[in-house]
C-alpha atoms as a PDB file:
ATOM      1  CA  MET A   1       0.255  -0.204   0.360  1.00  0.00           C
ATOM      2  CA  LYS A   2       1.375   3.220  -1.103  1.00  0.00           C
ATOM      3  CA  PHE A   3      -0.090   6.542   1.001  1.00  0.00           C
ATOM      4  CA  ILE A   4       1.240   9.650  -0.551  1.00  0.00           C
ATOM      5  CA  VAL A   5       0.307  13.406   0.783  1.00  0.00           C
ATOM      6  CA  ILE A   6       0.549  16.607  -1.100  1.00  0.00           C
ATOM      7  CA  ASP A   7      -0.063  19.574   1.157  1.00  0.00           C
ATOM      8  CA  GLY A   8       0.847  23.319   0.953  1.00  0.00           C
ATOM      9  CA  ILE A   9      -1.419  26.787   1.823  1.00  0.00           C
ATOM     10  CA  ASP A  10      -3.752  27.641  -0.511  1.00  0.00           C
ATOM     11  CA  GLY A  11      -2.092  28.251  -4.108  1.00  0.00           C
ATOM     12  CA  SER A  12       0.571  25.640  -3.983  1.00  0.00           C
ATOM     13  CA  GLY A  13      -1.147  23.800  -6.799  1.00  0.00           C
ATOM     14  CA  LYS A  14      -1.484  20.565  -4.244  1.00  0.00           C
ATOM     15  CA  ASP A  15      -5.121  19.656  -6.020  1.00  0.00           C
ATOM     16  CA  THR A  16      -3.674  19.649  -9.391  1.00  0.00           C
ATOM     17  CA  GLN A  17      -0.506  17.546  -8.281  1.00  0.00           C
ATOM     18  CA  ALA A  18      -2.580  15.520  -6.474  1.00  0.00           C
ATOM     19  CA  LYS A  19      -4.919  14.422  -9.244  1.00  0.00           C
ATOM     20  CA  PHE A  20      -1.829  14.177 -11.657  1.00  0.00           C
ATOM     21  CA  ILE A  21      -0.311  11.347  -9.509  1.00  0.00           C
ATOM     22  CA  TYR A  22      -3.980   9.907  -9.376  1.00  0.00           C
ATOM     23  CA  GLU A  23      -4.342   9.784 -13.386  1.00  0.00           C
ATOM     24  CA  LYS A  24      -0.955   8.262 -13.298  1.00  0.00           C
ATOM     25  CA  TYR A  25      -1.730   5.836 -11.441  1.00  0.00           C
ATOM     26  CA  ILE A  26      -4.740   5.129 -12.903  1.00  0.00           C
ATOM     27  CA  GLY A  27      -3.273   4.798 -16.150  1.00  0.00           C
ATOM     28  CA  ASP A  28      -0.771   2.366 -14.893  1.00  0.00           C
ATOM     29  CA  PHE A  29      -2.718  -0.050 -13.338  1.00  0.00           C
ATOM     30  CA  SER A  30      -5.100  -0.093 -16.089  1.00  0.00           C
ATOM     31  CA  ASN A  31      -2.483  -1.390 -18.015  1.00  0.00           C
ATOM     32  CA  PHE A  32      -1.135  -3.531 -15.591  1.00  0.00           C
ATOM     33  CA  GLN A  33      -3.403  -4.977 -12.937  1.00  0.00           C
ATOM     34  CA  LYS A  34      -6.956  -3.568 -13.146  1.00  0.00           C
ATOM     35  CA  ASP A  35      -8.038  -5.083  -9.878  1.00  0.00           C
ATOM     36  CA  LYS A  36      -5.437  -2.559  -8.006  1.00  0.00           C
ATOM     37  CA  ILE A  37      -7.393   0.289  -6.136  1.00  0.00           C
ATOM     38  CA  VAL A  38      -6.569   3.662  -6.006  1.00  0.00           C
ATOM     39  CA  ASN A  39      -8.120   7.029  -4.236  1.00  0.00           C
ATOM     40  CA  LEU A  40      -7.798  10.366  -3.807  1.00  0.00           C
ATOM     41  CA  ARG A  41      -9.628  12.754  -1.214  1.00  0.00           C
ATOM     42  CA  SER A  42      -8.732  16.675  -0.875  1.00  0.00           C
ATOM     43  CA  HIS A  43     -10.001  17.607   2.246  1.00  0.00           C
ATOM     44  CA  PRO A  44     -12.361  18.958   3.291  1.00  0.00           C
ATOM     45  CA  GLU A  45     -14.323  16.602   1.284  1.00  0.00           C
ATOM     46  CA  LEU A  46     -17.762  17.889   0.459  1.00  0.00           C
ATOM     47  CA  ASP A  47     -19.244  14.517   0.488  1.00  0.00           C
ATOM     48  CA  ASN A  48     -19.877  14.466   4.561  1.00  0.00           C
ATOM     49  CA  SER A  49     -21.260  16.631   7.047  1.00  0.00           C
ATOM     50  CA  PHE A  50     -17.374  16.938   8.809  1.00  0.00           C
ATOM     51  CA  GLY A  51     -15.682  18.584   5.573  1.00  0.00           C
ATOM     52  CA  LYS A  52     -18.802  20.475   4.646  1.00  0.00           C
ATOM     53  CA  ILE A  53     -18.986  22.271   8.194  1.00  0.00           C
ATOM     54  CA  SER A  54     -14.985  22.446   7.872  1.00  0.00           C
ATOM     55  CA  HIS A  55     -15.212  24.419   4.270  1.00  0.00           C
ATOM     56  CA  ASN A  56     -18.305  26.560   5.144  1.00  0.00           C
ATOM     57  CA  ALA A  57     -16.035  27.902   8.382  1.00  0.00           C
ATOM     58  CA  LEU A  58     -13.188  28.508   6.443  1.00  0.00           C
ATOM     59  CA  LEU A  59     -15.613  31.021   4.152  1.00  0.00           C
ATOM     60  CA  LYS A  60     -15.936  33.109   7.719  1.00  0.00           C
ATOM     61  CA  LYS A  61     -13.509  34.999   9.696  1.00  0.00           C
ATOM     62  CA  GLY A  62     -12.689  34.928  13.265  1.00  0.00           C
ATOM     63  CA  LYS A  63     -10.795  32.874  15.609  1.00  0.00           C
ATOM     64  CA  LEU A  64     -13.990  31.111  16.765  1.00  0.00           C
ATOM     65  CA  ASN A  65     -14.508  29.847  12.754  1.00  0.00           C
ATOM     66  CA  LYS A  66     -10.927  28.851  12.447  1.00  0.00           C
ATOM     67  CA  ILE A  67     -10.968  26.618  15.161  1.00  0.00           C
ATOM     68  CA  ILE A  68     -14.145  25.091  14.244  1.00  0.00           C
ATOM     69  CA  ALA A  69     -13.165  24.803  10.716  1.00  0.00           C
ATOM     70  CA  GLY A  70      -9.454  22.725  12.034  1.00  0.00           C
ATOM     71  CA  ILE A  71     -11.586  20.214  14.343  1.00  0.00           C
ATOM     72  CA  PHE A  72     -14.050  19.673  11.510  1.00  0.00           C
ATOM     73  CA  TYR A  73     -10.887  19.101   9.092  1.00  0.00           C
ATOM     74  CA  VAL A  74      -9.530  16.924  11.544  1.00  0.00           C
ATOM     75  CA  LEU A  75     -12.660  14.681  11.495  1.00  0.00           C
ATOM     76  CA  ASP A  76     -13.153  14.865   7.758  1.00  0.00           C
ATOM     77  CA  VAL A  77      -9.474  13.527   7.898  1.00  0.00           C
ATOM     78  CA  ILE A  78     -10.067  10.512   9.773  1.00  0.00           C
ATOM     79  CA  ARG A  79     -13.099   9.356   8.085  1.00  0.00           C
ATOM     80  CA  SER A  80     -11.042   9.296   5.201  1.00  0.00           C
ATOM     81  CA  LEU A  81      -8.349   7.438   6.748  1.00  0.00           C
ATOM     82  CA  VAL A  82     -11.034   4.932   7.792  1.00  0.00           C
ATOM     83  CA  LEU A  83     -12.506   4.235   4.626  1.00  0.00           C
ATOM     84  CA  TYR A  84     -10.302   4.414   2.109  1.00  0.00           C
ATOM     85  CA  TYR A  85      -6.653   3.355   3.781  1.00  0.00           C
ATOM     86  CA  PRO A  86      -7.592  -0.390   4.767  1.00  0.00           C
ATOM     87  CA  LYS A  87      -8.694  -0.826   1.067  1.00  0.00           C
ATOM     88  CA  SER A  88      -6.703   1.303  -1.309  1.00  0.00           C
ATOM     89  CA  ASN A  89      -3.350   0.094  -3.085  1.00  0.00           C
ATOM     90  CA  VAL A  90      -2.646   3.639  -3.660  1.00  0.00           C
ATOM     91  CA  LEU A  91      -4.266   6.418  -1.278  1.00  0.00           C
ATOM     92  CA  ILE A  92      -3.422   9.983  -2.269  1.00  0.00           C
ATOM     93  CA  PHE A  93      -4.491  13.303  -0.064  1.00  0.00           C
ATOM     94  CA  SER A  94      -4.687  16.169  -0.638  1.00  0.00           C
ATOM     95  CA  ARG A  95      -4.391  17.980   2.107  1.00  0.00           C
ATOM     96  CA  TYR A  96      -3.551  16.230   5.717  1.00  0.00           C
ATOM     97  CA  LEU A  97      -1.891  17.252   8.790  1.00  0.00           C
ATOM     98  CA  LEU A  98      -1.082  20.691   7.546  1.00  0.00           C
ATOM     99  CA  GLY A  99      -4.950  21.631   8.180  1.00  0.00           C
ATOM    100  CA  VAL A 100      -3.744  22.336  11.440  1.00  0.00           C
ATOM    101  CA  ILE A 101      -1.934  25.739  10.147  1.00  0.00           C
ATOM    102  CA  TYR A 102      -5.400  27.268  10.403  1.00  0.00           C
ATOM    103  CA  LEU A 103      -5.163  27.263  14.205  1.00  0.00           C
ATOM    104  CA  PRO A 104      -4.162  29.654  16.235  1.00  0.00           C
ATOM    105  CA  LYS A 105       0.270  29.234  16.217  1.00  0.00           C
ATOM    106  CA  PRO A 106       0.287  28.127  20.074  1.00  0.00           C
ATOM    107  CA  LEU A 107      -1.758  24.966  19.131  1.00  0.00           C
ATOM    108  CA  VAL A 108      -0.027  24.336  15.652  1.00  0.00           C
ATOM    109  CA  LYS A 109       2.919  22.250  17.185  1.00  0.00           C
ATOM    110  CA  PRO A 110       1.476  20.404  19.832  1.00  0.00           C
ATOM    111  CA  ILE A 111      -1.844  18.930  17.761  1.00  0.00           C
ATOM    112  CA  TYR A 112       0.388  18.665  14.914  1.00  0.00           C
ATOM    113  CA  VAL A 113       2.932  16.209  16.913  1.00  0.00           C
ATOM    114  CA  PHE A 114      -0.250  14.352  18.413  1.00  0.00           C
ATOM    115  CA  LEU A 115      -1.935  13.681  15.343  1.00  0.00           C
ATOM    116  CA  SER A 116       1.310  12.368  13.487  1.00  0.00           C
ATOM    117  CA  PHE A 117       1.707   9.758  16.463  1.00  0.00           C
ATOM    118  CA  ILE A 118      -1.768   8.607  16.168  1.00  0.00           C
ATOM    119  CA  LEU A 119      -2.289   8.650  12.505  1.00  0.00           C
ATOM    120  CA  PRO A 120      -0.709   7.282   9.478  1.00  0.00           C
ATOM    121  CA  THR A 121       2.416   8.972   7.950  1.00  0.00           C
ATOM    122  CA  SER A 122       4.486   8.626   5.290  1.00  0.00           C
ATOM    123  CA  HIS A 123       7.511   8.851   3.215  1.00  0.00           C
ATOM    124  CA  TYR A 124       6.147  10.602   0.765  1.00  0.00           C
ATOM    125  CA  MET A 125       4.399  13.627   2.168  1.00  0.00           C
ATOM    126  CA  PHE A 126       4.708  16.550   0.304  1.00  0.00           C
ATOM    127  CA  PHE A 127       4.891  19.877   0.999  1.00  0.00           C
ATOM    128  CA  LEU A 128       4.646  22.414  -1.765  1.00  0.00           C
ATOM    129  CA  ASP A 129       6.259  25.637  -0.622  1.00  0.00           C
ATOM    130  CA  ILE A 130       5.315  28.736  -2.573  1.00  0.00           C
ATOM    131  CA  TYR A 131       5.587  32.362  -1.843  1.00  0.00           C
ATOM    132  CA  PRO A 132       1.809  34.208  -0.674  1.00  0.00           C
ATOM    133  CA  LYS A 133       2.304  37.158  -2.764  1.00  0.00           C
ATOM    134  CA  GLU A 134       2.683  33.939  -6.171  1.00  0.00           C
ATOM    135  CA  ALA A 135      -0.116  32.038  -4.184  1.00  0.00           C
ATOM    136  CA  MET A 136      -2.375  34.968  -4.417  1.00  0.00           C
ATOM    137  CA  LYS A 137      -2.029  35.517  -8.019  1.00  0.00           C
ATOM    138  CA  ARG A 138      -3.072  31.795  -8.960  1.00  0.00           C
ATOM    139  CA  ILE A 139      -5.509  32.120  -6.346  1.00  0.00           C
ATOM    140  CA  LEU A 140      -7.353  35.128  -7.758  1.00  0.00           C
ATOM    141  CA  LYS A 141      -6.917  33.561 -11.484  1.00  0.00           C
ATOM    142  CA  ARG A 142      -8.416  30.759 -10.314  1.00  0.00           C
ATOM    143  CA  ASN A 143     -11.540  32.850  -8.795  1.00  0.00           C
ATOM    144  CA  SER A 144     -11.492  34.535 -12.024  1.00  0.00           C
ATOM    145  CA  HIS A 145     -10.673  37.681  -9.794  1.00  0.00           C
ATOM    146  CA  GLU A 146     -13.937  37.569  -7.824  1.00  0.00           C
ATOM    147  CA  SER A 147     -12.832  38.168  -4.267  1.00  0.00           C
ATOM    148  CA  SER A 148     -16.326  37.245  -3.121  1.00  0.00           C
ATOM    149  CA  ASN A 149     -15.543  33.721  -3.808  1.00  0.00           C
ATOM    150  CA  LEU A 150     -12.121  33.541  -1.336  1.00  0.00           C
ATOM    151  CA  GLN A 151     -11.885  32.351   1.797  1.00  0.00           C
ATOM    152  CA  ALA A 152     -11.104  33.984   4.566  1.00  0.00           C
ATOM    153  CA  PHE A 153      -7.408  33.319   4.890  1.00  0.00           C
ATOM    154  CA  GLU A 154      -6.932  34.152   1.037  1.00  0.00           C
ATOM    155  CA  ASN A 155      -5.109  37.142   1.213  1.00  0.00           C
ATOM    156  CA  GLU A 156      -1.502  37.719   1.424  1.00  0.00           C
ATOM    157  CA  LYS A 157      -1.127  38.113   5.151  1.00  0.00           C
ATOM    158  CA  SER A 158      -2.890  35.115   6.480  1.00  0.00           C
ATOM    159  CA  LEU A 159      -0.953  33.011   3.692  1.00  0.00           C
ATOM    160  CA  GLU A 160       2.174  34.493   5.373  1.00  0.00           C
ATOM    161  CA  LYS A 161       1.248  33.354   8.635  1.00  0.00           C
ATOM    162  CA  CYS A 162       0.086  29.940   7.499  1.00  0.00           C
ATOM    163  CA  ARG A 163       3.503  29.128   5.530  1.00  0.00           C
ATOM    164  CA  LYS A 164       5.595  30.304   8.521  1.00  0.00           C
ATOM    165  CA  LYS A 165       3.281  27.474  10.702  1.00  0.00           C
ATOM    166  CA  ALA A 166       3.657  25.193   8.106  1.00  0.00           C
ATOM    167  CA  LEU A 167       7.587  25.417   7.560  1.00  0.00           C
ATOM    168  CA  LEU A 168       7.517  25.225  11.649  1.00  0.00           C
ATOM    169  CA  ILE A 169       6.271  21.466  11.022  1.00  0.00           C
ATOM    170  CA  THR A 170       7.210  20.431   7.718  1.00  0.00           C
ATOM    171  CA  LYS A 171      10.907  19.400   8.899  1.00  0.00           C
ATOM    172  CA  ASN A 172      10.996  15.897   7.613  1.00  0.00           C
ATOM    173  CA  TRP A 173       8.744  16.048   4.654  1.00  0.00           C
ATOM    174  CA  LYS A 174       9.738  16.561   0.971  1.00  0.00           C
ATOM    175  CA  LYS A 175       9.942  19.986   0.163  1.00  0.00           C
ATOM    176  CA  ILE A 176       8.781  21.091  -3.675  1.00  0.00           C
ATOM    177  CA  ASN A 177       9.490  24.348  -4.621  1.00  0.00           C
ATOM    178  CA  ALA A 178       5.663  25.289  -6.077  1.00  0.00           C
ATOM    179  CA  CYS A 179       6.517  28.712  -7.836  1.00  0.00           C
ATOM    180  CA  LYS A 180       7.726  26.983 -10.776  1.00  0.00           C
ATOM    181  CA  SER A 181       5.236  25.515 -13.556  1.00  0.00           C
ATOM    182  CA  GLN A 182       3.293  22.536 -12.785  1.00  0.00           C
ATOM    183  CA  ASP A 183       5.123  20.468 -15.052  1.00  0.00           C
ATOM    184  CA  GLU A 184       8.355  21.222 -13.090  1.00  0.00           C
ATOM    185  CA  ILE A 185       6.338  20.503 -10.367  1.00  0.00           C
ATOM    186  CA  ARG A 186       5.053  17.309 -11.436  1.00  0.00           C
ATOM    187  CA  GLU A 187       8.312  15.778 -12.803  1.00  0.00           C
ATOM    188  CA  LYS A 188      10.117  16.949  -9.466  1.00  0.00           C
ATOM    189  CA  ILE A 189       7.281  14.497  -7.478  1.00  0.00           C
ATOM    190  CA  GLU A 190       7.359  11.649  -9.836  1.00  0.00           C
ATOM    191  CA  GLY A 191      10.871  11.744  -9.776  1.00  0.00           C
ATOM    192  CA  ILE A 192      11.235  11.358  -5.553  1.00  0.00           C
ATOM    193  CA  LEU A 193       8.167   8.866  -5.925  1.00  0.00           C
ATOM    194  CA  CYS A 194      10.406   7.053  -8.444  1.00  0.00           C
ATOM    195  CA  ILE A 195       7.299   6.191 -10.417  1.00  0.00           C
ATOM    196  CA  ASN A 196       7.827   3.089 -12.268  1.00  0.00           C
ATOM    197  CA  TYR A 197       5.224   0.627 -11.491  1.00  0.00           C
ATOM    198  CA  ASN A 198       7.299  -2.797 -11.869  1.00  0.00           C
ATOM    199  CA  TRP A 199       6.632  -3.281  -7.759  1.00  0.00           C
ATOM    200  CA  LEU A 200       3.405  -3.498  -8.617  1.00  0.00           C
ATOM    201  CA  LEU A 201       3.659  -6.985 -10.093  1.00  0.00           C
ATOM    202  CA  LYS A 202       5.654  -8.717  -7.372  1.00  0.00           C
END
């Protein structure tokens, strides 16, 4: 079983890269072993109440909403682990333990350490590191320059705070420069993953 995590602040391209990897595995499995199961989860997911509550809280301002978003985000992640971890040959998470960066700073490291202890981790945990200014350019482009579509933390100041908190807890992660093009990022991730599916045939 291969557990792959793609994480980073908003605008880093984690969903895009997670989908690239998912499609790559799906394509290779269809050529080699069709009975292999690949799952992709992007948190917070909107197919359950935990994810919906977390997503809605992220659209609002205030510390209380950040705490609510963080708590229900973790519940959404745990739900995905319970449902998909045991039955997947490859499980890809876009957003995982870095959801804690939306909590107040004093809580980030201790809660991250606790969650890392009780939840599965992997050799394939990627932190897509991007400067907030570049992240905001991508976010605005993605939202067609409609600021009303932005979540509460999607501004340069908040993204800088999130990045600083993320850098504190990702020292053992595979760090990727996400300011580069999507193709360059994908090639870097695939190189680390050593996407060579001979291991599937063993």
